[in-house]
Every structure is written in C-alpha cells, then in structure tokens.
N, C-alpha and C. Protein backbone atom coordinates (compact mmCIF):
# COMPACT_ATOMS: atom_id res chain seq x y z
N MET A 1 0.90 -1.18 -0.03
CA MET A 1 0.00 0.01 0.02
C MET A 1 0.83 1.25 0.06
N SER A 2 0.41 2.39 -0.68
CA SER A 2 1.10 3.57 -0.81
C SER A 2 0.64 4.54 0.18
N ARG A 3 1.11 4.49 1.49
CA ARG A 3 0.59 5.49 2.48
C ARG A 3 1.30 6.74 2.08
N ILE A 4 0.49 7.84 2.10
CA ILE A 4 1.04 9.21 1.75
C ILE A 4 1.53 9.92 3.05
N SER A 5 0.89 9.73 4.07
CA SER A 5 1.22 10.40 5.30
C SER A 5 0.33 9.91 6.55
N THR A 6 0.56 10.49 7.68
CA THR A 6 -0.39 10.12 8.82
C THR A 6 -1.00 11.53 9.26
N VAL A 7 -2.23 11.31 9.93
CA VAL A 7 -2.98 12.58 10.38
C VAL A 7 -3.74 12.15 11.62
N LYS A 8 -4.00 13.00 12.41
CA LYS A 8 -4.83 12.70 13.68
C LYS A 8 -6.19 13.56 13.49
N PHE A 9 -7.35 12.85 13.61
CA PHE A 9 -8.51 13.44 13.60
C PHE A 9 -9.19 13.46 15.06
N THR A 10 -9.76 14.52 15.50
CA THR A 10 -10.27 14.61 16.85
C THR A 10 -11.85 14.41 16.90
N GLY A 11 -12.27 13.48 17.74
CA GLY A 11 -13.60 13.38 17.83
C GLY A 11 -14.34 14.43 18.71
N LYS A 12 -15.58 14.40 18.80
CA LYS A 12 -16.38 15.28 19.58
C LYS A 12 -16.05 15.10 21.12
N SER A 13 -15.61 14.08 21.37
CA SER A 13 -15.09 13.50 22.89
C SER A 13 -13.84 14.18 23.22
N GLY A 14 -13.17 14.75 22.31
CA GLY A 14 -11.77 15.23 22.42
C GLY A 14 -10.63 14.31 22.25
N VAL A 15 -11.01 13.09 21.94
CA VAL A 15 -9.97 12.02 21.76
C VAL A 15 -9.51 12.19 20.25
N ALA A 16 -8.13 12.22 20.17
CA ALA A 16 -7.48 12.24 18.76
C ALA A 16 -7.18 10.86 18.38
N TYR A 17 -7.63 10.52 17.13
CA TYR A 17 -7.40 9.15 16.49
C TYR A 17 -6.39 9.30 15.40
N PRO A 18 -5.43 8.36 15.48
CA PRO A 18 -4.31 8.32 14.34
C PRO A 18 -4.81 7.53 13.12
N PHE A 19 -4.61 8.18 12.09
CA PHE A 19 -5.12 7.66 10.74
C PHE A 19 -3.91 7.57 9.74
N ASP A 20 -3.74 6.51 8.93
CA ASP A 20 -2.90 6.60 7.72
C ASP A 20 -3.73 7.24 6.65
N VAL A 21 -2.90 7.99 5.73
CA VAL A 21 -3.57 8.62 4.53
C VAL A 21 -3.17 7.91 3.31
N TYR A 22 -4.16 7.76 2.47
CA TYR A 22 -4.03 6.88 1.21
C TYR A 22 -4.75 7.70 0.20
N PRO A 23 -4.34 7.54 -1.18
CA PRO A 23 -5.12 7.98 -2.28
C PRO A 23 -6.45 7.45 -2.38
N TYR A 24 -7.39 8.18 -2.86
CA TYR A 24 -8.75 7.87 -2.93
C TYR A 24 -8.99 6.54 -3.74
N ASP A 25 -8.25 6.27 -4.78
CA ASP A 25 -8.41 5.28 -5.74
C ASP A 25 -7.53 3.98 -5.36
N MET A 26 -7.13 3.94 -4.02
CA MET A 26 -6.38 2.86 -3.41
C MET A 26 -7.05 1.45 -3.63
N PHE A 27 -6.30 0.49 -3.95
CA PHE A 27 -6.67 -0.84 -3.98
C PHE A 27 -6.39 -1.53 -2.66
N TRP A 28 -7.40 -2.01 -1.95
CA TRP A 28 -7.22 -2.37 -0.63
C TRP A 28 -7.06 -3.93 -0.49
N ASP A 29 -6.39 -4.40 0.39
CA ASP A 29 -6.17 -5.72 0.73
C ASP A 29 -7.50 -6.35 1.36
N GLU A 30 -7.86 -7.50 0.82
CA GLU A 30 -9.18 -8.18 1.38
C GLU A 30 -9.11 -8.32 2.81
N GLY A 31 -10.20 -7.99 3.43
CA GLY A 31 -10.35 -8.26 4.92
C GLY A 31 -9.77 -7.12 5.72
N MET A 32 -9.18 -6.04 5.18
CA MET A 32 -8.62 -5.02 5.97
C MET A 32 -9.83 -4.15 6.72
N ALA A 33 -9.80 -4.27 7.96
CA ALA A 33 -10.92 -3.52 8.81
C ALA A 33 -10.34 -2.13 9.39
N GLY A 34 -11.31 -1.29 9.51
CA GLY A 34 -10.95 -0.04 10.04
C GLY A 34 -12.12 0.99 9.97
N VAL A 35 -11.68 2.15 10.51
CA VAL A 35 -12.61 3.38 10.38
C VAL A 35 -11.99 4.21 9.26
N TYR A 36 -12.82 4.67 8.38
CA TYR A 36 -12.42 5.35 7.23
C TYR A 36 -12.92 6.94 7.35
N PHE A 37 -12.10 7.82 6.75
CA PHE A 37 -12.43 9.25 6.74
C PHE A 37 -11.97 9.63 5.32
N VAL A 38 -13.13 9.79 4.48
CA VAL A 38 -12.87 10.12 3.04
C VAL A 38 -12.89 11.62 3.10
N SER A 39 -11.79 12.21 2.45
CA SER A 39 -11.54 13.62 2.43
C SER A 39 -11.18 14.15 1.08
N ASN A 40 -11.25 15.61 0.95
CA ASN A 40 -10.60 16.22 -0.05
C ASN A 40 -9.34 16.95 0.73
N ARG A 41 -8.20 16.48 0.36
CA ARG A 41 -6.98 17.04 1.01
C ARG A 41 -6.46 18.17 0.18
N HIS A 42 -6.16 19.21 0.59
CA HIS A 42 -5.65 20.35 -0.09
C HIS A 42 -4.80 21.14 0.71
N LYS A 43 -3.91 22.03 0.16
CA LYS A 43 -3.11 23.07 1.04
C LYS A 43 -3.94 24.25 1.21
N ALA A 44 -3.88 24.50 2.64
CA ALA A 44 -4.41 25.73 3.14
C ALA A 44 -3.70 27.00 2.90
N LYS A 45 -4.17 28.18 3.27
CA LYS A 45 -3.40 29.26 3.07
C LYS A 45 -2.11 29.33 3.85
N THR A 46 -2.01 28.42 4.84
CA THR A 46 -0.83 28.40 5.63
C THR A 46 0.21 27.44 5.11
N LYS A 47 -0.11 26.89 3.82
CA LYS A 47 0.72 26.05 3.09
C LYS A 47 0.83 24.64 3.67
N LYS A 48 0.00 24.22 4.73
CA LYS A 48 -0.01 23.07 5.29
C LYS A 48 -1.39 22.26 4.71
N PHE A 49 -1.22 21.01 4.65
CA PHE A 49 -2.33 20.21 4.07
C PHE A 49 -3.46 20.23 5.07
N THR A 50 -4.70 20.27 4.61
CA THR A 50 -5.87 20.20 5.42
C THR A 50 -6.68 19.10 4.82
N HIS A 51 -7.69 18.51 5.47
CA HIS A 51 -8.61 17.73 5.04
C HIS A 51 -10.06 18.10 5.26
N GLN A 52 -10.84 18.24 4.19
CA GLN A 52 -12.34 18.57 4.28
C GLN A 52 -13.00 17.17 4.48
N SER A 53 -13.70 17.01 5.48
CA SER A 53 -14.34 15.70 5.61
C SER A 53 -15.57 15.57 4.65
N LEU A 54 -15.75 14.35 4.08
CA LEU A 54 -16.79 14.14 3.17
C LEU A 54 -17.62 12.95 3.55
N LEU A 55 -16.90 11.89 4.08
CA LEU A 55 -17.62 10.70 4.46
C LEU A 55 -16.92 9.96 5.65
N ILE A 56 -17.52 9.66 6.64
CA ILE A 56 -16.92 8.76 7.75
C ILE A 56 -17.68 7.54 7.98
N GLY A 57 -16.95 6.54 8.23
CA GLY A 57 -17.72 5.30 8.44
C GLY A 57 -16.72 4.14 8.98
N GLU A 58 -17.18 2.93 9.10
CA GLU A 58 -16.42 1.85 9.49
C GLU A 58 -16.78 0.55 8.73
N THR A 59 -15.84 -0.27 8.62
CA THR A 59 -16.12 -1.58 7.81
C THR A 59 -15.10 -2.59 8.31
N GLY A 60 -15.61 -3.92 8.10
CA GLY A 60 -14.72 -5.06 8.31
C GLY A 60 -13.96 -5.48 7.06
N ASP A 61 -14.23 -4.74 6.02
CA ASP A 61 -13.45 -5.04 4.78
C ASP A 61 -13.48 -3.76 3.85
N MET A 62 -12.36 -3.09 3.88
CA MET A 62 -12.18 -1.84 3.03
C MET A 62 -12.45 -2.25 1.41
N GLN A 63 -11.88 -3.37 1.04
CA GLN A 63 -12.04 -3.62 -0.36
C GLN A 63 -13.55 -3.84 -0.75
N ARG A 64 -14.22 -4.57 0.06
CA ARG A 64 -15.70 -4.75 -0.31
C ARG A 64 -16.47 -3.28 -0.29
N GLU A 65 -16.05 -2.58 0.80
CA GLU A 65 -16.75 -1.25 1.20
C GLU A 65 -16.65 -0.33 -0.09
N PHE A 66 -15.37 -0.21 -0.64
CA PHE A 66 -15.27 0.77 -1.66
C PHE A 66 -15.27 0.20 -3.05
N ARG A 67 -15.49 -1.10 -3.17
CA ARG A 67 -15.62 -1.61 -4.59
C ARG A 67 -16.63 -0.80 -5.27
N GLU A 68 -17.84 -0.72 -4.72
CA GLU A 68 -18.90 0.00 -5.37
C GLU A 68 -19.79 0.65 -4.37
N HIS A 69 -19.09 1.66 -3.61
CA HIS A 69 -19.75 2.39 -2.53
C HIS A 69 -20.85 3.18 -3.10
N PRO A 70 -22.00 3.14 -2.36
CA PRO A 70 -23.19 3.89 -2.80
C PRO A 70 -23.03 5.41 -2.96
N LYS A 71 -22.07 5.97 -2.21
CA LYS A 71 -21.94 7.42 -2.25
C LYS A 71 -20.79 7.87 -3.04
N SER A 72 -20.31 6.88 -3.95
CA SER A 72 -19.09 7.27 -4.87
C SER A 72 -19.32 8.49 -5.78
N GLY A 73 -20.61 8.49 -6.34
CA GLY A 73 -20.90 9.66 -7.26
C GLY A 73 -20.79 10.96 -6.50
N GLU A 74 -21.35 11.08 -5.29
CA GLU A 74 -21.33 12.31 -4.50
C GLU A 74 -19.91 12.49 -4.11
N LEU A 75 -19.12 11.66 -3.82
CA LEU A 75 -17.71 11.83 -3.46
C LEU A 75 -17.00 12.36 -4.62
N THR A 76 -17.24 11.86 -5.78
CA THR A 76 -16.54 12.32 -6.96
C THR A 76 -16.77 13.86 -7.12
N LYS A 77 -18.17 14.22 -7.01
CA LYS A 77 -18.46 15.61 -7.18
C LYS A 77 -17.88 16.57 -6.13
N LEU A 78 -17.70 15.96 -4.94
CA LEU A 78 -17.02 16.74 -3.95
C LEU A 78 -15.52 16.69 -3.92
N LYS A 79 -15.02 16.16 -5.03
CA LYS A 79 -13.47 16.06 -5.25
C LYS A 79 -12.79 15.26 -4.11
N ALA A 80 -13.29 14.17 -3.82
CA ALA A 80 -12.65 13.24 -2.80
C ALA A 80 -11.39 12.86 -3.48
N ASN A 81 -10.25 12.90 -2.63
CA ASN A 81 -9.01 12.45 -3.20
C ASN A 81 -8.13 11.61 -2.23
N MET A 82 -8.70 11.45 -0.98
CA MET A 82 -7.93 10.69 0.02
C MET A 82 -8.93 10.00 0.81
N ILE A 83 -8.46 8.70 1.29
CA ILE A 83 -9.02 7.83 2.34
C ILE A 83 -8.11 7.74 3.34
N CYS A 84 -8.52 8.10 4.49
CA CYS A 84 -7.64 7.98 5.71
C CYS A 84 -8.21 6.73 6.52
N VAL A 85 -7.40 5.96 6.98
CA VAL A 85 -7.81 4.87 7.66
C VAL A 85 -7.15 4.62 9.08
N CYS A 86 -8.10 4.30 10.00
CA CYS A 86 -7.61 3.94 11.44
C CYS A 86 -8.00 2.41 11.58
N ARG A 87 -6.86 1.55 11.35
CA ARG A 87 -7.16 0.22 11.53
C ARG A 87 -7.63 -0.36 12.87
N LYS A 88 -8.74 -0.90 12.93
CA LYS A 88 -9.34 -1.51 14.12
C LYS A 88 -10.14 -2.74 13.61
N ASN A 89 -9.84 -3.92 14.41
CA ASN A 89 -10.56 -5.13 14.16
C ASN A 89 -11.79 -5.30 14.76
N SER A 90 -11.92 -4.66 16.00
CA SER A 90 -13.18 -4.72 16.83
C SER A 90 -14.19 -3.92 16.27
N PRO A 91 -15.37 -4.52 15.95
CA PRO A 91 -16.58 -3.82 15.39
C PRO A 91 -17.10 -2.83 16.39
N GLU A 92 -16.97 -2.99 17.71
CA GLU A 92 -17.45 -2.17 18.60
C GLU A 92 -16.63 -0.96 18.76
N GLN A 93 -15.26 -1.05 18.69
CA GLN A 93 -14.30 0.11 18.73
C GLN A 93 -14.44 0.90 17.45
N ARG A 94 -14.57 0.29 16.21
CA ARG A 94 -14.83 1.00 14.91
C ARG A 94 -16.05 1.86 15.10
N LYS A 95 -17.24 1.24 15.55
CA LYS A 95 -18.48 2.03 15.56
C LYS A 95 -18.30 3.17 16.55
N LYS A 96 -17.68 3.04 17.71
CA LYS A 96 -17.53 4.04 18.70
C LYS A 96 -16.74 5.20 18.08
N ILE A 97 -15.67 4.94 17.41
CA ILE A 97 -14.77 5.87 16.85
C ILE A 97 -15.39 6.66 15.76
N ALA A 98 -16.06 5.93 14.84
CA ALA A 98 -16.89 6.51 13.67
C ALA A 98 -17.89 7.55 14.15
N GLU A 99 -18.65 7.07 15.15
CA GLU A 99 -19.75 7.98 15.86
C GLU A 99 -19.25 9.24 16.23
N ASP A 100 -18.03 9.09 17.00
CA ASP A 100 -17.43 10.27 17.60
C ASP A 100 -16.87 11.26 16.62
N LEU A 101 -16.26 10.74 15.46
CA LEU A 101 -15.73 11.57 14.43
C LEU A 101 -16.92 12.23 13.70
N ILE A 102 -18.02 11.50 13.42
CA ILE A 102 -19.15 11.94 12.61
C ILE A 102 -19.77 13.15 13.46
N ALA A 103 -19.89 12.99 14.68
CA ALA A 103 -20.52 14.11 15.61
C ALA A 103 -19.64 15.29 15.56
N ALA A 104 -18.37 15.10 15.41
CA ALA A 104 -17.37 16.28 15.35
C ALA A 104 -17.33 16.96 13.96
N TYR A 105 -17.31 16.14 12.87
CA TYR A 105 -17.09 16.67 11.60
C TYR A 105 -18.32 16.92 10.88
N GLU A 106 -19.42 16.11 11.07
CA GLU A 106 -20.64 16.32 10.25
C GLU A 106 -20.34 16.33 8.72
N PRO A 107 -19.79 15.26 8.33
CA PRO A 107 -19.56 15.15 6.85
C PRO A 107 -20.80 15.15 5.98
N PRO A 108 -20.75 15.87 4.84
CA PRO A 108 -21.92 15.96 4.09
C PRO A 108 -22.52 14.66 3.43
N CYS A 109 -21.64 13.59 3.30
CA CYS A 109 -22.19 12.33 2.67
C CYS A 109 -22.60 11.38 3.72
N ASN A 110 -22.74 11.70 5.08
CA ASN A 110 -23.22 10.74 6.06
C ASN A 110 -24.59 11.06 6.30
C-alpha cells in the first residue's frame, strides 16, 4: 500500500485518533478492517495540508466497502482524493470511533 502520510482527527469527545492517509483510488487488501475518513485534502493558506471531511464510516473489509460504494458519485462531485484509515479489528471500537468523528465533523455524505 502507498501510504502518503499520517494524520490525527479529533472526535467530539476530544480523543485524537491516528489515521494513515492513502489516495482515494487505493486498492485495498481483502479483509482490512477499520474506520475510514474520506476527504478532499488540499493546501490551506498556511501552506499546510488540510482535510475537508466528506464521509466517515467503518467496515470489516475496505475492499468490499469501496468496490462499489453507494456514495461514490457524490464523493467524486465533492472532489474526494484521500481515504484515511484507522485500522481496528473490533466492530465495537470501529463503531464508537466513527460515531465520535461523525459528531465532530458532520460530513456531508453521512
């Protein structure tokens, strides 16, 4: 996999979660589980990269989730170019993290 960088996203609870950043068109290994944060990554006026949240969710299989995602048309229109992943095998942990981040970022595709 071609990881571009790492980033931390902070949930409404104040907890910061570490994510690996990948290109949106990434081919995923079968069975890779985690929380995903689809974004439009761009340089801000400060010259640092920033992520505009578009969709946050969780899955037990990234490959299956993004093979034909029902929101792919919307994500293309919103110029999605990155998928950030926090790998977690526990469905309970994934759900808790995703809910915390959705509450904080209110992504338009959720």
